[in-house]
């Protein structure tokens, strides 16, 4: 079996079906772009919350260590 035989077995595309396929492809690309545009600020907000949680946690840890050190002295 040669490599060309599967290609010959495929039916040719109609002009209308290729236009519909192109429309679906463009719609999928547009949906992906919109999803990334909506996902960007959401991910940024999540990382901002994570950053502030880490900052508050570091401050709380510092205060806790400082109070333990002050009680020992």
C-alpha atoms as a PDB file:
ATOM      1  CA  UNK A   1       0.000   0.000   0.000  1.00  0.00           C
ATOM      2  CA  UNK A   2       1.515   3.293  -1.022  1.00  0.00           C
ATOM      3  CA  UNK A   3       1.252   6.603   0.771  1.00  0.00           C
ATOM      4  CA  UNK A   4      -0.815   8.129  -2.037  1.00  0.00           C
ATOM      5  CA  UNK A   5      -3.693   5.630  -1.871  1.00  0.00           C
ATOM      6  CA  UNK A   6      -5.259   7.033   1.330  1.00  0.00           C
ATOM      7  CA  UNK A   7      -5.164  10.483  -0.249  1.00  0.00           C
ATOM      8  CA  UNK A   8      -6.925   9.201  -3.352  1.00  0.00           C
ATOM      9  CA  UNK A   9      -9.632   7.587  -1.216  1.00  0.00           C
ATOM     10  CA  UNK A  10     -10.591  10.934   0.346  1.00  0.00           C
ATOM     11  CA  UNK A  11     -13.448  12.757  -1.287  1.00  0.00           C
ATOM     12  CA  UNK A  12     -12.638  16.242  -2.577  1.00  0.00           C
ATOM     13  CA  UNK A  13     -13.812  19.243  -0.607  1.00  0.00           C
ATOM     14  CA  UNK A  14     -16.600  21.401  -1.943  1.00  0.00           C
ATOM     15  CA  UNK A  15     -16.058  25.134  -2.051  1.00  0.00           C
ATOM     16  CA  UNK A  16     -18.947  25.709   0.357  1.00  0.00           C
ATOM     17  CA  UNK A  17     -17.672  23.210   2.915  1.00  0.00           C
ATOM     18  CA  UNK A  18     -14.200  24.736   2.885  1.00  0.00           C
ATOM     19  CA  UNK A  19     -15.718  28.175   3.505  1.00  0.00           C
ATOM     20  CA  UNK A  20     -17.745  26.744   6.406  1.00  0.00           C
ATOM     21  CA  UNK A  21     -14.622  25.064   7.765  1.00  0.00           C
ATOM     22  CA  UNK A  22     -12.706  28.330   7.485  1.00  0.00           C
ATOM     23  CA  UNK A  23     -15.501  30.102   9.357  1.00  0.00           C
ATOM     24  CA  UNK A  24     -15.414  27.505  12.122  1.00  0.00           C
ATOM     25  CA  UNK A  25     -11.634  27.794  12.383  1.00  0.00           C
ATOM     26  CA  UNK A  26     -11.807  31.592  12.593  1.00  0.00           C
ATOM     27  CA  UNK A  27     -14.584  31.356  15.181  1.00  0.00           C
ATOM     28  CA  UNK A  28     -12.496  28.952  17.266  1.00  0.00           C
ATOM     29  CA  UNK A  29      -9.472  31.264  17.038  1.00  0.00           C
ATOM     30  CA  UNK A  30     -11.615  34.248  18.057  1.00  0.00           C
ATOM     31  CA  UNK A  31     -13.025  32.279  21.002  1.00  0.00           C
ATOM     32  CA  UNK A  32      -9.507  31.363  22.147  1.00  0.00           C
ATOM     33  CA  UNK A  33      -8.356  34.990  21.919  1.00  0.00           C
ATOM     34  CA  UNK A  34     -11.397  36.195  23.896  1.00  0.00           C
ATOM     35  CA  UNK A  35     -10.809  33.484  26.505  1.00  0.00           C
ATOM     36  CA  UNK A  36      -7.202  34.622  26.967  1.00  0.00           C
ATOM     37  CA  UNK A  37      -8.315  38.257  27.188  1.00  0.00           C
ATOM     38  CA  UNK A  38     -10.809  37.373  29.916  1.00  0.00           C
ATOM     39  CA  UNK A  39      -8.450  34.986  31.672  1.00  0.00           C
ATOM     40  CA  UNK A  40      -5.564  37.484  31.870  1.00  0.00           C
ATOM     41  CA  UNK A  41      -7.056  39.889  34.417  1.00  0.00           C
ATOM     42  CA  UNK A  42      -8.500  36.998  36.417  1.00  0.00           C
ATOM     43  CA  UNK A  43      -5.092  35.327  36.715  1.00  0.00           C
ATOM     44  CA  UNK A  44      -3.548  38.693  37.591  1.00  0.00           C
ATOM     45  CA  UNK A  45      -6.122  39.204  40.346  1.00  0.00           C
ATOM     46  CA  UNK A  46      -5.466  35.715  41.742  1.00  0.00           C
ATOM     47  CA  UNK A  47      -1.712  36.346  41.826  1.00  0.00           C
ATOM     48  CA  UNK A  48      -2.309  39.719  43.503  1.00  0.00           C
ATOM     49  CA  UNK A  49      -4.338  38.004  46.222  1.00  0.00           C
ATOM     50  CA  UNK A  50      -1.607  35.384  46.606  1.00  0.00           C
ATOM     51  CA  UNK A  51       1.042  38.091  46.883  1.00  0.00           C
ATOM     52  CA  UNK A  52      -0.862  39.918  49.610  1.00  0.00           C
ATOM     53  CA  UNK A  53      -1.505  36.669  51.473  1.00  0.00           C
ATOM     54  CA  UNK A  54       2.238  35.965  51.438  1.00  0.00           C
ATOM     55  CA  UNK A  55       3.065  39.496  52.599  1.00  0.00           C
ATOM     56  CA  UNK A  56       0.533  39.329  55.449  1.00  0.00           C
ATOM     57  CA  UNK A  57       1.783  35.850  56.380  1.00  0.00           C
ATOM     58  CA  UNK A  58       5.398  37.032  56.430  1.00  0.00           C
ATOM     59  CA  UNK A  59       4.488  39.999  58.635  1.00  0.00           C
ATOM     60  CA  UNK A  60       2.508  37.749  60.997  1.00  0.00           C
ATOM     61  CA  UNK A  61       5.417  35.293  61.165  1.00  0.00           C
ATOM     62  CA  UNK A  62       7.830  38.149  61.899  1.00  0.00           C
ATOM     63  CA  UNK A  63       5.607  39.488  64.676  1.00  0.00           C
ATOM     64  CA  UNK A  64       5.247  35.989  66.151  1.00  0.00           C
ATOM     65  CA  UNK A  65       9.008  35.402  66.136  1.00  0.00           C
ATOM     66  CA  UNK A  66       9.624  38.860  67.581  1.00  0.00           C
ATOM     67  CA  UNK A  67       7.180  38.296  70.451  1.00  0.00           C
ATOM     68  CA  UNK A  68       8.732  34.893  71.229  1.00  0.00           C
ATOM     69  CA  UNK A  69      12.184  36.484  71.230  1.00  0.00           C
ATOM     70  CA  UNK A  70      10.949  39.330  73.466  1.00  0.00           C
ATOM     71  CA  UNK A  71       9.478  36.867  75.999  1.00  0.00           C
ATOM     72  CA  UNK A  72      12.791  34.992  76.264  1.00  0.00           C
ATOM     73  CA  UNK A  73      14.832  38.137  76.901  1.00  0.00           C
END
